[in-house]
Amino acid sequence: CTLGSEVALRVGGDFFFDPQPGDSPVKLVLIAGGVGINPLFSILLHTADLHRYQEGKGNGYKMGTVKLYYSAKNTSELLFKTNILGLMSAFPGKIACRFHVTRQRSQVCEELQPHVTGK
């Protein structure tokens, strides 16, 4: 998003991401905290499948970029972090994530350091 962009925001409840082949591409911003990552991780996996399908078949829904912002108390409470790092590696420039920790007391592991902000 850029300054002045129009965005849709949904908090909680029943939500999903199921674009159809003829739909216009969208850029997704997913924001999660703690265990609230669960439904958003499913959406993230679905977007990765859409990217794979597009790369392999060259047709279907053209997925835009996805940015995940995920906050937890510390890096040990970041669920699915290894899977998320793998998706970022598999789809550079298409899937990105920023982790934010609020109460980190130990050193952040080297693999996560470039993606973590907070204390």
PDB file of N, CA and C in Angstrom:
ATOM      1  N   CYS A   1       0.834  -1.183   0.000  1.00  0.00           N
ATOM      2  CA  CYS A   1       0.000   0.000   0.000  1.00  0.00           C
ATOM      3  C   CYS A   1       0.877   1.243   0.000  1.00  0.00           C
ATOM      4  N   THR A   2       0.371   2.263  -0.570  1.00  0.00           N
ATOM      5  CA  THR A   2       1.039   3.555  -0.539  1.00  0.00           C
ATOM      6  C   THR A   2       0.078   4.566   0.062  1.00  0.00           C
ATOM      7  N   LEU A   3       0.615   5.707   0.433  1.00  0.00           N
ATOM      8  CA  LEU A   3      -0.210   6.763   0.996  1.00  0.00           C
ATOM      9  C   LEU A   3      -1.348   7.079   0.035  1.00  0.00           C
ATOM     10  N   GLY A   4      -2.559   7.050   0.547  1.00  0.00           N
ATOM     11  CA  GLY A   4      -3.723   7.331  -0.269  1.00  0.00           C
ATOM     12  C   GLY A   4      -4.376   6.093  -0.868  1.00  0.00           C
ATOM     13  N   SER A   5      -3.775   4.920  -0.694  1.00  0.00           N
ATOM     14  CA  SER A   5      -4.351   3.685  -1.222  1.00  0.00           C
ATOM     15  C   SER A   5      -5.643   3.348  -0.487  1.00  0.00           C
ATOM     16  N   GLU A   6      -6.576   2.788  -1.208  1.00  0.00           N
ATOM     17  CA  GLU A   6      -7.799   2.317  -0.589  1.00  0.00           C
ATOM     18  C   GLU A   6      -7.591   0.874  -0.182  1.00  0.00           C
ATOM     19  N   VAL A   7      -7.951   0.534   1.037  1.00  0.00           N
ATOM     20  CA  VAL A   7      -7.789  -0.825   1.540  1.00  0.00           C
ATOM     21  C   VAL A   7      -9.098  -1.305   2.155  1.00  0.00           C
ATOM     22  N   ALA A   8      -9.271  -2.620   2.170  1.00  0.00           N
ATOM     23  CA  ALA A   8     -10.400  -3.229   2.866  1.00  0.00           C
ATOM     24  C   ALA A   8      -9.840  -3.889   4.110  1.00  0.00           C
ATOM     25  N   LEU A   9     -10.517  -3.742   5.229  1.00  0.00           N
ATOM     26  CA  LEU A   9     -10.041  -4.280   6.493  1.00  0.00           C
ATOM     27  C   LEU A   9     -11.132  -5.128   7.098  1.00  0.00           C
ATOM     28  N   ARG A  10     -10.722  -6.298   7.579  1.00  0.00           N
ATOM     29  CA  ARG A  10     -11.674  -7.192   8.214  1.00  0.00           C
ATOM     30  C   ARG A  10     -11.029  -7.743   9.476  1.00  0.00           C
ATOM     31  N   VAL A  11     -11.710  -7.677  10.580  1.00  0.00           N
ATOM     32  CA  VAL A  11     -11.183  -8.164  11.845  1.00  0.00           C
ATOM     33  C   VAL A  11     -12.064  -9.305  12.331  1.00  0.00           C
ATOM     34  N   GLY A  12     -11.456 -10.474  12.541  1.00  0.00           N
ATOM     35  CA  GLY A  12     -12.179 -11.614  13.087  1.00  0.00           C
ATOM     36  C   GLY A  12     -13.292 -12.116  12.199  1.00  0.00           C
ATOM     37  N   GLY A  13     -14.016 -13.077  12.705  1.00  0.00           N
ATOM     38  CA  GLY A  13     -15.168 -13.600  12.000  1.00  0.00           C
ATOM     39  C   GLY A  13     -14.820 -14.598  10.914  1.00  0.00           C
ATOM     40  N   ASP A  14     -15.760 -14.789  10.004  1.00  0.00           N
ATOM     41  CA  ASP A  14     -15.645 -15.755   8.920  1.00  0.00           C
ATOM     42  C   ASP A  14     -15.062 -15.053   7.701  1.00  0.00           C
ATOM     43  N   PHE A  15     -13.836 -15.371   7.338  1.00  0.00           N
ATOM     44  CA  PHE A  15     -13.225 -14.743   6.183  1.00  0.00           C
ATOM     45  C   PHE A  15     -12.370 -15.755   5.436  1.00  0.00           C
ATOM     46  N   PHE A  16     -12.143 -15.492   4.158  1.00  0.00           N
ATOM     47  CA  PHE A  16     -11.370 -16.392   3.323  1.00  0.00           C
ATOM     48  C   PHE A  16     -10.861 -15.630   2.113  1.00  0.00           C
ATOM     49  N   PHE A  17      -9.936 -16.233   1.385  1.00  0.00           N
ATOM     50  CA  PHE A  17      -9.416 -15.664   0.151  1.00  0.00           C
ATOM     51  C   PHE A  17      -9.548 -16.731  -0.923  1.00  0.00           C
ATOM     52  N   ASP A  18     -10.494 -16.546  -1.823  1.00  0.00           N
ATOM     53  CA  ASP A  18     -10.761 -17.535  -2.862  1.00  0.00           C
ATOM     54  C   ASP A  18     -10.988 -16.833  -4.203  1.00  0.00           C
ATOM     55  N   PRO A  19      -9.918 -16.284  -4.786  1.00  0.00           N
ATOM     56  CA  PRO A  19     -10.082 -15.585  -6.064  1.00  0.00           C
ATOM     57  C   PRO A  19     -10.375 -16.569  -7.193  1.00  0.00           C
ATOM     58  N   GLN A  20     -11.082 -16.087  -8.188  1.00  0.00           N
ATOM     59  CA  GLN A  20     -11.410 -16.895  -9.353  1.00  0.00           C
ATOM     60  C   GLN A  20     -10.499 -16.516 -10.514  1.00  0.00           C
ATOM     61  N   PRO A  21     -10.301 -17.406 -11.500  1.00  0.00           N
ATOM     62  CA  PRO A  21      -9.350 -17.145 -12.591  1.00  0.00           C
ATOM     63  C   PRO A  21      -9.522 -15.796 -13.295  1.00  0.00           C
ATOM     64  N   GLY A  22     -10.721 -15.303 -13.444  1.00  0.00           N
ATOM     65  CA  GLY A  22     -10.944 -14.044 -14.144  1.00  0.00           C
ATOM     66  C   GLY A  22     -10.818 -12.799 -13.276  1.00  0.00           C
ATOM     67  N   ASP A  23     -10.649 -12.972 -11.969  1.00  0.00           N
ATOM     68  CA  ASP A  23     -10.551 -11.830 -11.060  1.00  0.00           C
ATOM     69  C   ASP A  23      -9.257 -11.051 -11.286  1.00  0.00           C
ATOM     70  N   SER A  24      -9.311  -9.764 -11.017  1.00  0.00           N
ATOM     71  CA  SER A  24      -8.115  -8.934 -11.114  1.00  0.00           C
ATOM     72  C   SER A  24      -7.144  -9.291  -9.988  1.00  0.00           C
ATOM     73  N   PRO A  25      -5.836  -9.226 -10.271  1.00  0.00           N
ATOM     74  CA  PRO A  25      -4.857  -9.505  -9.212  1.00  0.00           C
ATOM     75  C   PRO A  25      -4.964  -8.483  -8.087  1.00  0.00           C
ATOM     76  N   VAL A  26      -4.732  -8.934  -6.877  1.00  0.00           N
ATOM     77  CA  VAL A  26      -4.724  -8.040  -5.716  1.00  0.00           C
ATOM     78  C   VAL A  26      -3.428  -8.238  -4.954  1.00  0.00           C
ATOM     79  N   LYS A  27      -3.037  -7.206  -4.237  1.00  0.00           N
ATOM     80  CA  LYS A  27      -1.913  -7.290  -3.316  1.00  0.00           C
ATOM     81  C   LYS A  27      -2.515  -7.484  -1.932  1.00  0.00           C
ATOM     82  N   LEU A  28      -2.077  -8.528  -1.233  1.00  0.00           N
ATOM     83  CA  LEU A  28      -2.602  -8.810   0.096  1.00  0.00           C
ATOM     84  C   LEU A  28      -1.647  -8.330   1.174  1.00  0.00           C
ATOM     85  N   VAL A  29      -2.206  -7.768   2.234  1.00  0.00           N
ATOM     86  CA  VAL A  29      -1.472  -7.456   3.446  1.00  0.00           C
ATOM     87  C   VAL A  29      -2.185  -8.216   4.555  1.00  0.00           C
ATOM     88  N   LEU A  30      -1.474  -9.156   5.162  1.00  0.00           N
ATOM     89  CA  LEU A  30      -2.024  -9.967   6.241  1.00  0.00           C
ATOM     90  C   LEU A  30      -1.373  -9.533   7.542  1.00  0.00           C
ATOM     91  N   ILE A  31      -2.184  -9.265   8.566  1.00  0.00           N
ATOM     92  CA  ILE A  31      -1.676  -8.794   9.855  1.00  0.00           C
ATOM     93  C   ILE A  31      -2.153  -9.756  10.937  1.00  0.00           C
ATOM     94  N   ALA A  32      -1.193 -10.354  11.658  1.00  0.00           N
ATOM     95  CA  ALA A  32      -1.536 -11.364  12.652  1.00  0.00           C
ATOM     96  C   ALA A  32      -0.805 -11.111  13.954  1.00  0.00           C
ATOM     97  N   GLY A  33      -1.412 -11.548  15.041  1.00  0.00           N
ATOM     98  CA  GLY A  33      -0.785 -11.500  16.351  1.00  0.00           C
ATOM     99  C   GLY A  33      -0.996 -12.827  17.052  1.00  0.00           C
ATOM    100  N   GLY A  34       0.073 -13.372  17.603  1.00  0.00           N
ATOM    101  CA  GLY A  34      -0.016 -14.618  18.363  1.00  0.00           C
ATOM    102  C   GLY A  34      -0.627 -15.755  17.568  1.00  0.00           C
ATOM    103  N   VAL A  35      -1.555 -16.496  18.215  1.00  0.00           N
ATOM    104  CA  VAL A  35      -2.179 -17.635  17.554  1.00  0.00           C
ATOM    105  C   VAL A  35      -3.166 -17.215  16.472  1.00  0.00           C
ATOM    106  N   GLY A  36      -3.419 -15.911  16.352  1.00  0.00           N
ATOM    107  CA  GLY A  36      -4.275 -15.401  15.280  1.00  0.00           C
ATOM    108  C   GLY A  36      -3.670 -15.638  13.909  1.00  0.00           C
ATOM    109  N   ILE A  37      -2.458 -16.167  13.853  1.00  0.00           N
ATOM    110  CA  ILE A  37      -1.807 -16.476  12.586  1.00  0.00           C
ATOM    111  C   ILE A  37      -2.491 -17.649  11.877  1.00  0.00           C
ATOM    112  N   ASN A  38      -3.174 -18.518  12.604  1.00  0.00           N
ATOM    113  CA  ASN A  38      -3.703 -19.752  12.015  1.00  0.00           C
ATOM    114  C   ASN A  38      -4.506 -19.552  10.734  1.00  0.00           C
ATOM    115  N   PRO A  39      -5.570 -18.771  10.720  1.00  0.00           N
ATOM    116  CA  PRO A  39      -6.309 -18.617   9.457  1.00  0.00           C
ATOM    117  C   PRO A  39      -5.501 -17.870   8.394  1.00  0.00           C
ATOM    118  N   LEU A  40      -4.658 -16.941   8.826  1.00  0.00           N
ATOM    119  CA  LEU A  40      -3.857 -16.184   7.859  1.00  0.00           C
ATOM    120  C   LEU A  40      -2.745 -17.040   7.265  1.00  0.00           C
ATOM    121  N   PHE A  41      -2.218 -17.991   8.033  1.00  0.00           N
ATOM    122  CA  PHE A  41      -1.226 -18.917   7.491  1.00  0.00           C
ATOM    123  C   PHE A  41      -1.859 -19.783   6.408  1.00  0.00           C
ATOM    124  N   SER A  42      -3.106 -20.182   6.609  1.00  0.00           N
ATOM    125  CA  SER A  42      -3.816 -20.946   5.566  1.00  0.00           C
ATOM    126  C   SER A  42      -3.950 -20.119   4.292  1.00  0.00           C
ATOM    127  N   ILE A  43      -4.281 -18.845   4.438  1.00  0.00           N
ATOM    128  CA  ILE A  43      -4.374 -17.957   3.280  1.00  0.00           C
ATOM    129  C   ILE A  43      -3.007 -17.818   2.621  1.00  0.00           C
ATOM    130  N   LEU A  44      -1.955 -17.685   3.415  1.00  0.00           N
ATOM    131  CA  LEU A  44      -0.602 -17.575   2.878  1.00  0.00           C
ATOM    132  C   LEU A  44      -0.232 -18.823   2.077  1.00  0.00           C
ATOM    133  N   LEU A  45      -0.561 -20.003   2.601  1.00  0.00           N
ATOM    134  CA  LEU A  45      -0.296 -21.247   1.868  1.00  0.00           C
ATOM    135  C   LEU A  45      -1.085 -21.289   0.557  1.00  0.00           C
ATOM    136  N   HIS A  46      -2.308 -20.814   0.596  1.00  0.00           N
ATOM    137  CA  HIS A  46      -3.132 -20.785  -0.616  1.00  0.00           C
ATOM    138  C   HIS A  46      -2.520 -19.852  -1.666  1.00  0.00           C
ATOM    139  N   THR A  47      -2.019 -18.701  -1.237  1.00  0.00           N
ATOM    140  CA  THR A  47      -1.400 -17.782  -2.201  1.00  0.00           C
ATOM    141  C   THR A  47      -0.137 -18.409  -2.805  1.00  0.00           C
ATOM    142  N   ALA A  48       0.611 -19.167  -2.000  1.00  0.00           N
ATOM    143  CA  ALA A  48       1.790 -19.872  -2.531  1.00  0.00           C
ATOM    144  C   ALA A  48       1.363 -20.884  -3.583  1.00  0.00           C
ATOM    145  N   ASP A  49       0.264 -21.611  -3.325  1.00  0.00           N
ATOM    146  CA  ASP A  49      -0.252 -22.553  -4.323  1.00  0.00           C
ATOM    147  C   ASP A  49      -0.652 -21.834  -5.604  1.00  0.00           C
ATOM    148  N   LEU A  50      -1.257 -20.654  -5.471  1.00  0.00           N
ATOM    149  CA  LEU A  50      -1.640 -19.876  -6.656  1.00  0.00           C
ATOM    150  C   LEU A  50      -0.405 -19.441  -7.438  1.00  0.00           C
ATOM    151  N   HIS A  51       0.643 -19.039  -6.748  1.00  0.00           N
ATOM    152  CA  HIS A  51       1.903 -18.674  -7.418  1.00  0.00           C
ATOM    153  C   HIS A  51       2.496 -19.883  -8.139  1.00  0.00           C
ATOM    154  N   ARG A  52       2.505 -21.041  -7.471  1.00  0.00           N
ATOM    155  CA  ARG A  52       3.044 -22.266  -8.095  1.00  0.00           C
ATOM    156  C   ARG A  52       2.260 -22.629  -9.346  1.00  0.00           C
ATOM    157  N   TYR A  53       0.942 -22.573  -9.248  1.00  0.00           N
ATOM    158  CA  TYR A  53       0.101 -22.920 -10.380  1.00  0.00           C
ATOM    159  C   TYR A  53       0.352 -21.975 -11.547  1.00  0.00           C
ATOM    160  N   GLN A  54       0.441 -20.687 -11.252  1.00  0.00           N
ATOM    161  CA  GLN A  54       0.695 -19.679 -12.283  1.00  0.00           C
ATOM    162  C   GLN A  54       2.043 -19.927 -12.958  1.00  0.00           C
ATOM    163  N   GLU A  55       3.063 -20.240 -12.161  1.00  0.00           N
ATOM    164  CA  GLU A  55       4.395 -20.494 -12.717  1.00  0.00           C
ATOM    165  C   GLU A  55       4.410 -21.764 -13.558  1.00  0.00           C
ATOM    166  N   GLY A  56       3.684 -22.792 -13.121  1.00  0.00           N
ATOM    167  CA  GLY A  56       3.694 -24.077 -13.822  1.00  0.00           C
ATOM    168  C   GLY A  56       2.808 -24.121 -15.051  1.00  0.00           C
ATOM    169  N   LYS A  57       1.619 -23.571 -14.930  1.00  0.00           N
ATOM    170  CA  LYS A  57       0.628 -23.657 -16.009  1.00  0.00           C
ATOM    171  C   LYS A  57       0.555 -22.399 -16.860  1.00  0.00           C
ATOM    172  N   GLY A  58       0.908 -21.263 -16.258  1.00  0.00           N
ATOM    173  CA  GLY A  58       0.842 -20.012 -16.996  1.00  0.00           C
ATOM    174  C   GLY A  58      -0.557 -19.466 -17.167  1.00  0.00           C
ATOM    175  N   ASN A  59      -1.526 -20.054 -16.484  1.00  0.00           N
ATOM    176  CA  ASN A  59      -2.891 -19.528 -16.555  1.00  0.00           C
ATOM    177  C   ASN A  59      -3.519 -19.597 -15.163  1.00  0.00           C
ATOM    178  N   GLY A  60      -4.793 -19.323 -15.072  1.00  0.00           N
ATOM    179  CA  GLY A  60      -5.459 -19.289 -13.779  1.00  0.00           C
ATOM    180  C   GLY A  60      -5.364 -17.899 -13.184  1.00  0.00           C
ATOM    181  N   TYR A  61      -5.633 -17.799 -11.892  1.00  0.00           N
ATOM    182  CA  TYR A  61      -5.605 -16.507 -11.211  1.00  0.00           C
ATOM    183  C   TYR A  61      -4.172 -16.017 -11.104  1.00  0.00           C
ATOM    184  N   LYS A  62      -3.941 -14.771 -11.481  1.00  0.00           N
ATOM    185  CA  LYS A  62      -2.607 -14.166 -11.371  1.00  0.00           C
ATOM    186  C   LYS A  62      -2.509 -13.497 -10.005  1.00  0.00           C
ATOM    187  N   MET A  63      -1.781 -14.137  -9.112  1.00  0.00           N
ATOM    188  CA  MET A  63      -1.647 -13.667  -7.728  1.00  0.00           C
ATOM    189  C   MET A  63      -0.715 -12.473  -7.652  1.00  0.00           C
ATOM    190  N   GLY A  64      -1.130 -11.442  -6.906  1.00  0.00           N
ATOM    191  CA  GLY A  64      -0.264 -10.299  -6.637  1.00  0.00           C
ATOM    192  C   GLY A  64       0.667 -10.624  -5.477  1.00  0.00           C
ATOM    193  N   THR A  65       1.343  -9.620  -4.967  1.00  0.00           N
ATOM    194  CA  THR A  65       2.263  -9.827  -3.853  1.00  0.00           C
ATOM    195  C   THR A  65       1.501  -9.989  -2.546  1.00  0.00           C
ATOM    196  N   VAL A  66       2.169 -10.646  -1.593  1.00  0.00           N
ATOM    197  CA  VAL A  66       1.594 -10.855  -0.264  1.00  0.00           C
ATOM    198  C   VAL A  66       2.616 -10.397   0.763  1.00  0.00           C
ATOM    199  N   LYS A  67       2.170  -9.575   1.702  1.00  0.00           N
ATOM    200  CA  LYS A  67       3.020  -9.154   2.816  1.00  0.00           C
ATOM    201  C   LYS A  67       2.333  -9.559   4.109  1.00  0.00           C
ATOM    202  N   LEU A  68       3.066 -10.293   4.922  1.00  0.00           N
ATOM    203  CA  LEU A  68       2.563 -10.734   6.217  1.00  0.00           C
ATOM    204  C   LEU A  68       3.293  -9.963   7.306  1.00  0.00           C
ATOM    205  N   TYR A  69       2.544  -9.373   8.203  1.00  0.00           N
ATOM    206  CA  TYR A  69       3.087  -8.724   9.391  1.00  0.00           C
ATOM    207  C   TYR A  69       2.579  -9.534  10.575  1.00  0.00           C
ATOM    208  N   TYR A  70       3.522 -10.086  11.348  1.00  0.00           N
ATOM    209  CA  TYR A  70       3.165 -11.049  12.385  1.00  0.00           C
ATOM    210  C   TYR A  70       3.887 -10.692  13.680  1.00  0.00           C
ATOM    211  N   SER A  71       3.130 -10.505  14.747  1.00  0.00           N
ATOM    212  CA  SER A  71       3.679 -10.092  16.032  1.00  0.00           C
ATOM    213  C   SER A  71       3.428 -11.159  17.103  1.00  0.00           C
ATOM    214  N   ALA A  72       4.421 -11.321  17.977  1.00  0.00           N
ATOM    215  CA  ALA A  72       4.298 -12.225  19.122  1.00  0.00           C
ATOM    216  C   ALA A  72       5.206 -11.696  20.236  1.00  0.00           C
ATOM    217  N   LYS A  73       5.123 -12.297  21.407  1.00  0.00           N
ATOM    218  CA  LYS A  73       5.955 -11.867  22.533  1.00  0.00           C
ATOM    219  C   LYS A  73       7.437 -12.063  22.234  1.00  0.00           C
ATOM    220  N   ASN A  74       7.769 -13.208  21.659  1.00  0.00           N
ATOM    221  CA  ASN A  74       9.164 -13.511  21.342  1.00  0.00           C
ATOM    222  C   ASN A  74       9.211 -14.468  20.152  1.00  0.00           C
ATOM    223  N   THR A  75      10.389 -14.710  19.651  1.00  0.00           N
ATOM    224  CA  THR A  75      10.505 -15.527  18.444  1.00  0.00           C
ATOM    225  C   THR A  75      10.085 -16.978  18.660  1.00  0.00           C
ATOM    226  N   SER A  76      10.171 -17.471  19.898  1.00  0.00           N
ATOM    227  CA  SER A  76       9.726 -18.845  20.143  1.00  0.00           C
ATOM    228  C   SER A  76       8.209 -18.974  20.023  1.00  0.00           C
ATOM    229  N   GLU A  77       7.490 -17.868  20.129  1.00  0.00           N
ATOM    230  CA  GLU A  77       6.035 -17.897  19.998  1.00  0.00           C
ATOM    231  C   GLU A  77       5.552 -17.573  18.589  1.00  0.00           C
ATOM    232  N   LEU A  78       6.475 -17.379  17.665  1.00  0.00           N
ATOM    233  CA  LEU A  78       6.100 -17.157  16.263  1.00  0.00           C
ATOM    234  C   LEU A  78       5.816 -18.509  15.617  1.00  0.00           C
ATOM    235  N   LEU A  79       4.545 -18.875  15.542  1.00  0.00           N
ATOM    236  CA  LEU A  79       4.164 -20.160  14.959  1.00  0.00           C
ATOM    237  C   LEU A  79       4.452 -20.165  13.462  1.00  0.00           C
ATOM    238  N   PHE A  80       4.813 -21.302  12.933  1.00  0.00           N
ATOM    239  CA  PHE A  80       5.040 -21.505  11.495  1.00  0.00           C
ATOM    240  C   PHE A  80       6.198 -20.688  10.929  1.00  0.00           C
ATOM    241  N   LYS A  81       7.068 -20.142  11.787  1.00  0.00           N
ATOM    242  CA  LYS A  81       8.134 -19.264  11.289  1.00  0.00           C
ATOM    243  C   LYS A  81       9.030 -19.956  10.267  1.00  0.00           C
ATOM    244  N   THR A  82       9.349 -21.226  10.469  1.00  0.00           N
ATOM    245  CA  THR A  82      10.199 -21.952   9.518  1.00  0.00           C
ATOM    246  C   THR A  82       9.494 -22.087   8.175  1.00  0.00           C
ATOM    247  N   ASN A  83       8.204 -22.403   8.212  1.00  0.00           N
ATOM    248  CA  ASN A  83       7.424 -22.521   6.974  1.00  0.00           C
ATOM    249  C   ASN A  83       7.331 -21.175   6.260  1.00  0.00           C
ATOM    250  N   ILE A  84       7.138 -20.115   7.020  1.00  0.00           N
ATOM    251  CA  ILE A  84       7.022 -18.775   6.441  1.00  0.00           C
ATOM    252  C   ILE A  84       8.342 -18.369   5.783  1.00  0.00           C
ATOM    253  N   LEU A  85       9.459 -18.629   6.458  1.00  0.00           N
ATOM    254  CA  LEU A  85      10.768 -18.338   5.865  1.00  0.00           C
ATOM    255  C   LEU A  85      10.954 -19.123   4.573  1.00  0.00           C
ATOM    256  N   GLY A  86      10.507 -20.364   4.554  1.00  0.00           N
ATOM    257  CA  GLY A  86      10.590 -21.184   3.349  1.00  0.00           C
ATOM    258  C   GLY A  86       9.776 -20.618   2.201  1.00  0.00           C
ATOM    259  N   LEU A  87       8.595 -20.110   2.505  1.00  0.00           N
ATOM    260  CA  LEU A  87       7.759 -19.501   1.463  1.00  0.00           C
ATOM    261  C   LEU A  87       8.400 -18.237   0.910  1.00  0.00           C
ATOM    262  N   MET A  88       9.017 -17.453   1.794  1.00  0.00           N
ATOM    263  CA  MET A  88       9.699 -16.241   1.319  1.00  0.00           C
ATOM    264  C   MET A  88      10.862 -16.608   0.404  1.00  0.00           C
ATOM    265  N   SER A  89      11.578 -17.679   0.740  1.00  0.00           N
ATOM    266  CA  SER A  89      12.700 -18.122  -0.104  1.00  0.00           C
ATOM    267  C   SER A  89      12.211 -18.671  -1.435  1.00  0.00           C
ATOM    268  N   ALA A  90      11.096 -19.390  -1.409  1.00  0.00           N
ATOM    269  CA  ALA A  90      10.554 -19.991  -2.624  1.00  0.00           C
ATOM    270  C   ALA A  90       9.944 -18.953  -3.570  1.00  0.00           C
ATOM    271  N   PHE A  91       9.445 -17.861  -3.003  1.00  0.00           N
ATOM    272  CA  PHE A  91       8.771 -16.839  -3.806  1.00  0.00           C
ATOM    273  C   PHE A  91       9.314 -15.446  -3.490  1.00  0.00           C
ATOM    274  N   PRO A  92      10.594 -15.215  -3.759  1.00  0.00           N
ATOM    275  CA  PRO A  92      11.181 -13.899  -3.469  1.00  0.00           C
ATOM    276  C   PRO A  92      10.486 -12.806  -4.280  1.00  0.00           C
ATOM    277  N   GLY A  93      10.192 -11.713  -3.595  1.00  0.00           N
ATOM    278  CA  GLY A  93       9.511 -10.604  -4.259  1.00  0.00           C
ATOM    279  C   GLY A  93       8.011 -10.787  -4.378  1.00  0.00           C
ATOM    280  N   LYS A  94       7.531 -11.992  -4.084  1.00  0.00           N
ATOM    281  CA  LYS A  94       6.093 -12.274  -4.173  1.00  0.00           C
ATOM    282  C   LYS A  94       5.473 -12.475  -2.792  1.00  0.00           C
ATOM    283  N   ILE A  95       6.234 -13.110  -1.890  1.00  0.00           N
ATOM    284  CA  ILE A  95       5.779 -13.317  -0.514  1.00  0.00           C
ATOM    285  C   ILE A  95       6.851 -12.744   0.410  1.00  0.00           C
ATOM    286  N   ALA A  96       6.433 -11.840   1.288  1.00  0.00           N
ATOM    287  CA  ALA A  96       7.360 -11.213   2.236  1.00  0.00           C
ATOM    288  C   ALA A  96       6.725 -11.231   3.624  1.00  0.00           C
ATOM    289  N   CYS A  97       7.574 -11.219   4.642  1.00  0.00           N
ATOM    290  CA  CYS A  97       7.084 -11.212   6.011  1.00  0.00           C
ATOM    291  C   CYS A  97       7.982 -10.359   6.887  1.00  0.00           C
ATOM    292  N   ARG A  98       7.366  -9.638   7.811  1.00  0.00           N
ATOM    293  CA  ARG A  98       8.077  -8.925   8.877  1.00  0.00           C
ATOM    294  C   ARG A  98       7.514  -9.469  10.188  1.00  0.00           C
ATOM    295  N   PHE A  99       8.409  -9.979  11.018  1.00  0.00           N
ATOM    296  CA  PHE A  99       8.033 -10.439  12.347  1.00  0.00           C
ATOM    297  C   PHE A  99       8.310  -9.299  13.332  1.00  0.00           C
ATOM    298  N   HIS A 100       7.437  -9.152  14.313  1.00  0.00           N
ATOM    299  CA  HIS A 100       7.650  -8.148  15.355  1.00  0.00           C
ATOM    300  C   HIS A 100       7.534  -8.857  16.699  1.00  0.00           C
ATOM    301  N   VAL A 101       8.538  -8.668  17.547  1.00  0.00           N
ATOM    302  CA  VAL A 101       8.492  -9.253  18.887  1.00  0.00           C
ATOM    303  C   VAL A 101       8.450  -8.134  19.914  1.00  0.00           C
ATOM    304  N   THR A 102       7.680  -8.354  20.979  1.00  0.00           N
ATOM    305  CA  THR A 102       7.475  -7.304  21.974  1.00  0.00           C
ATOM    306  C   THR A 102       8.250  -7.532  23.264  1.00  0.00           C
ATOM    307  N   ARG A 103       8.645  -8.794  23.536  1.00  0.00           N
ATOM    308  CA  ARG A 103       9.327  -9.082  24.802  1.00  0.00           C
ATOM    309  C   ARG A 103      10.483 -10.065  24.617  1.00  0.00           C
ATOM    310  N   GLN A 104      11.238  -9.900  23.563  1.00  0.00           N
ATOM    311  CA  GLN A 104      12.366 -10.794  23.292  1.00  0.00           C
ATOM    312  C   GLN A 104      13.472 -10.542  24.304  1.00  0.00           C
ATOM    313  N   ARG A 105      13.905 -11.569  25.009  1.00  0.00           N
ATOM    314  CA  ARG A 105      14.968 -11.419  26.002  1.00  0.00           C
ATOM    315  C   ARG A 105      16.282 -12.019  25.524  1.00  0.00           C
ATOM    316  N   SER A 106      16.207 -12.986  24.635  1.00  0.00           N
ATOM    317  CA  SER A 106      17.421 -13.634  24.143  1.00  0.00           C
ATOM    318  C   SER A 106      17.758 -13.114  22.747  1.00  0.00           C
ATOM    319  N   GLN A 107      18.928 -13.468  22.287  1.00  0.00           N
ATOM    320  CA  GLN A 107      19.375 -13.080  20.949  1.00  0.00           C
ATOM    321  C   GLN A 107      18.467 -13.731  19.903  1.00  0.00           C
ATOM    322  N   VAL A 108      18.108 -12.979  18.887  1.00  0.00           N
ATOM    323  CA  VAL A 108      17.308 -13.521  17.783  1.00  0.00           C
ATOM    324  C   VAL A 108      18.230 -14.352  16.900  1.00  0.00           C
ATOM    325  N   CYS A 109      17.788 -15.557  16.533  1.00  0.00           N
ATOM    326  CA  CYS A 109      18.634 -16.425  15.719  1.00  0.00           C
ATOM    327  C   CYS A 109      18.967 -15.749  14.388  1.00  0.00           C
ATOM    328  N   GLU A 110      20.097 -16.108  13.849  1.00  0.00           N
ATOM    329  CA  GLU A 110      20.621 -15.455  12.643  1.00  0.00           C
ATOM    330  C   GLU A 110      19.660 -15.532  11.465  1.00  0.00           C
ATOM    331  N   GLU A 111      18.984 -16.665  11.330  1.00  0.00           N
ATOM    332  CA  GLU A 111      18.057 -16.851  10.209  1.00  0.00           C
ATOM    333  C   GLU A 111      16.897 -15.858  10.247  1.00  0.00           C
ATOM    334  N   LEU A 112      16.436 -15.525  11.452  1.00  0.00           N
ATOM    335  CA  LEU A 112      15.297 -14.610  11.605  1.00  0.00           C
ATOM    336  C   LEU A 112      15.693 -13.143  11.651  1.00  0.00           C
ATOM    337  N   GLN A 113      16.946 -12.846  12.033  1.00  0.00           N
ATOM    338  CA  GLN A 113      17.361 -11.463  12.274  1.00  0.00           C
ATOM    339  C   GLN A 113      16.953 -10.472  11.190  1.00  0.00           C
ATOM    340  N   PRO A 114      17.123 -10.786   9.902  1.00  0.00           N
ATOM    341  CA  PRO A 114      16.764  -9.779   8.893  1.00  0.00           C
ATOM    342  C   PRO A 114      15.260  -9.477   8.818  1.00  0.00           C
ATOM    343  N   HIS A 115      14.458 -10.330   9.435  1.00  0.00           N
ATOM    344  CA  HIS A 115      13.008 -10.209   9.306  1.00  0.00           C
ATOM    345  C   HIS A 115      12.319  -9.778  10.590  1.00  0.00           C
ATOM    346  N   VAL A 116      13.084  -9.552  11.679  1.00  0.00           N
ATOM    347  CA  VAL A 116      12.495  -9.265  12.988  1.00  0.00           C
ATOM    348  C   VAL A 116      12.761  -7.825  13.409  1.00  0.00           C
ATOM    349  N   THR A 117      11.714  -7.202  13.937  1.00  0.00           N
ATOM    350  CA  THR A 117      11.830  -5.900  14.580  1.00  0.00           C
ATOM    351  C   THR A 117      11.314  -6.036  15.998  1.00  0.00           C
ATOM    352  N   GLY A 118      11.601  -5.086  16.837  1.00  0.00           N
ATOM    353  CA  GLY A 118      11.091  -5.095  18.206  1.00  0.00           C
ATOM    354  C   GLY A 118      12.205  -5.292  19.209  1.00  0.00           C
ATOM    355  N   LYS A 119      11.820  -5.539  20.446  1.00  0.00           N
ATOM    356  CA  LYS A 119      12.783  -5.667  21.544  1.00  0.00           C
ATOM    357  C   LYS A 119      12.877  -7.087  22.023  1.00  0.00           C
TER     358      LYS A 119
END
